Amino acid sequence: MDLLKEAIVFSFILVLGIMLGTMATKKGRKYTKNIRKLSKHNWFREFTSTYTPLFIQHDAYRSFIANTDVDEVINDEEKQEKFKRDILHLMKDNNL
């Protein structure tokens, strides 16, 4: 993926995540915080560039991200892979 496309996707996810996460809910604030942390990492930006609409539109994914301990995921490659598998499993469960 070229750098410009990656930057656009990252900006899109971040802006929409912030907009949607500004809801006055604890879950919304946690989602926004986690998206900000995750979006600083290339592996997450690359992964989400394929699945951007899922992270924005579907409550199951938003809840999953809000409930994930992203600090553990960020610092552990095995947990990053599990995180990705779990997202793909959610896709399968939701017929996406």
Protein backbone atom coordinates (compact mmCIF):
# COMPACT_ATOMS: atom_id res chain seq x y z
CA MET A 1 0.00 0.00 0.00
CA ASP A 2 1.42 3.34 -0.89
CA LEU A 3 2.13 5.87 1.84
CA LEU A 4 -0.52 8.37 0.73
CA LYS A 5 -3.30 5.78 0.76
CA GLU A 6 -2.16 4.56 4.17
CA ALA A 7 -2.17 8.13 5.53
CA ILE A 8 -5.65 8.77 4.15
CA VAL A 9 -7.04 5.56 5.63
CA PHE A 10 -5.39 6.30 8.97
CA SER A 11 -6.80 9.84 9.03
CA PHE A 12 -10.25 8.59 8.07
CA ILE A 13 -10.30 5.99 10.85
CA LEU A 14 -8.97 8.43 13.40
CA VAL A 15 -11.40 11.24 12.54
CA LEU A 16 -14.44 8.98 12.43
CA GLY A 17 -13.32 7.17 15.54
CA ILE A 18 -13.06 10.49 17.34
CA MET A 19 -16.43 11.67 16.04
CA LEU A 20 -18.21 8.45 16.95
CA GLY A 21 -16.30 8.14 20.18
CA THR A 22 -17.37 11.53 21.45
CA MET A 23 -20.65 10.07 22.57
CA ALA A 24 -21.07 10.67 26.27
CA THR A 25 -20.62 7.02 27.11
CA LYS A 26 -17.84 5.24 28.88
CA LYS A 27 -17.67 2.73 26.04
CA GLY A 28 -17.43 5.50 23.44
CA ARG A 29 -14.60 7.19 25.29
CA LYS A 30 -12.77 3.89 25.74
CA TYR A 31 -13.17 3.10 22.02
CA THR A 32 -11.72 6.49 21.06
CA LYS A 33 -8.81 6.09 23.45
CA ASN A 34 -8.03 2.60 22.15
CA ILE A 35 -8.30 3.61 18.49
CA ARG A 36 -5.88 6.48 19.09
CA LYS A 37 -3.36 4.13 20.70
CA LEU A 38 -3.73 1.41 18.07
CA SER A 39 -3.61 3.85 15.15
CA LYS A 40 -0.06 4.83 16.06
CA HIS A 41 1.14 1.39 14.96
CA ASN A 42 1.74 0.29 11.36
CA TRP A 43 0.43 -3.24 11.86
CA PHE A 44 -2.95 -1.86 12.97
CA ARG A 45 -3.17 0.72 10.17
CA GLU A 46 -2.35 -1.95 7.59
CA PHE A 47 -4.91 -4.35 9.04
CA THR A 48 -7.67 -1.74 9.30
CA SER A 49 -7.07 -0.35 5.82
CA THR A 50 -8.78 -3.49 4.52
CA TYR A 51 -11.61 -3.44 7.05
CA THR A 52 -12.13 0.28 7.71
CA PRO A 53 -15.96 0.29 7.52
CA LEU A 54 -16.20 -2.47 10.11
CA PHE A 55 -14.37 -0.45 12.73
CA ILE A 56 -16.65 2.50 12.15
CA GLN A 57 -20.11 1.10 11.52
CA HIS A 58 -20.53 -2.10 13.49
CA ASP A 59 -21.17 -2.09 17.22
CA ALA A 60 -19.62 -5.53 17.65
CA TYR A 61 -16.25 -4.25 16.49
CA ARG A 62 -16.52 -1.00 18.41
CA SER A 63 -17.34 -2.98 21.56
CA PHE A 64 -14.50 -5.40 20.92
CA ILE A 65 -12.00 -2.56 20.58
CA ALA A 66 -13.41 -0.73 23.60
CA ASN A 67 -13.11 -3.88 25.71
CA THR A 68 -9.61 -4.84 24.55
CA ASP A 69 -6.55 -4.10 26.67
CA VAL A 70 -4.74 -2.42 23.81
CA ASP A 71 -1.58 -1.81 25.81
CA GLU A 72 -1.09 -5.57 26.02
CA VAL A 73 -1.89 -5.98 22.32
CA ILE A 74 0.50 -3.23 21.27
CA ASN A 75 3.41 -4.70 23.22
CA ASP A 76 2.99 -8.38 22.32
CA GLU A 77 3.13 -9.76 18.77
CA GLU A 78 1.25 -12.92 19.76
CA LYS A 79 -1.57 -10.80 21.17
CA GLN A 80 -1.57 -8.70 17.99
CA GLU A 81 -2.11 -11.86 15.95
CA LYS A 82 -4.85 -13.01 18.35
CA PHE A 83 -6.46 -9.57 18.09
CA LYS A 84 -6.51 -9.89 14.28
CA ARG A 85 -7.89 -13.45 14.45
CA ASP A 86 -10.60 -12.29 16.84
CA ILE A 87 -11.62 -9.49 14.47
CA LEU A 88 -11.75 -11.95 11.57
CA HIS A 89 -13.81 -14.30 13.75
CA LEU A 90 -16.26 -11.47 14.48
CA MET A 91 -16.53 -10.91 10.72
CA LYS A 92 -17.38 -14.56 10.19
CA ASP A 93 -19.92 -14.54 13.04
CA ASN A 94 -21.59 -11.45 11.56
CA ASN A 95 -21.54 -12.83 7.98
CA LEU A 96 -19.33 -10.02 6.68
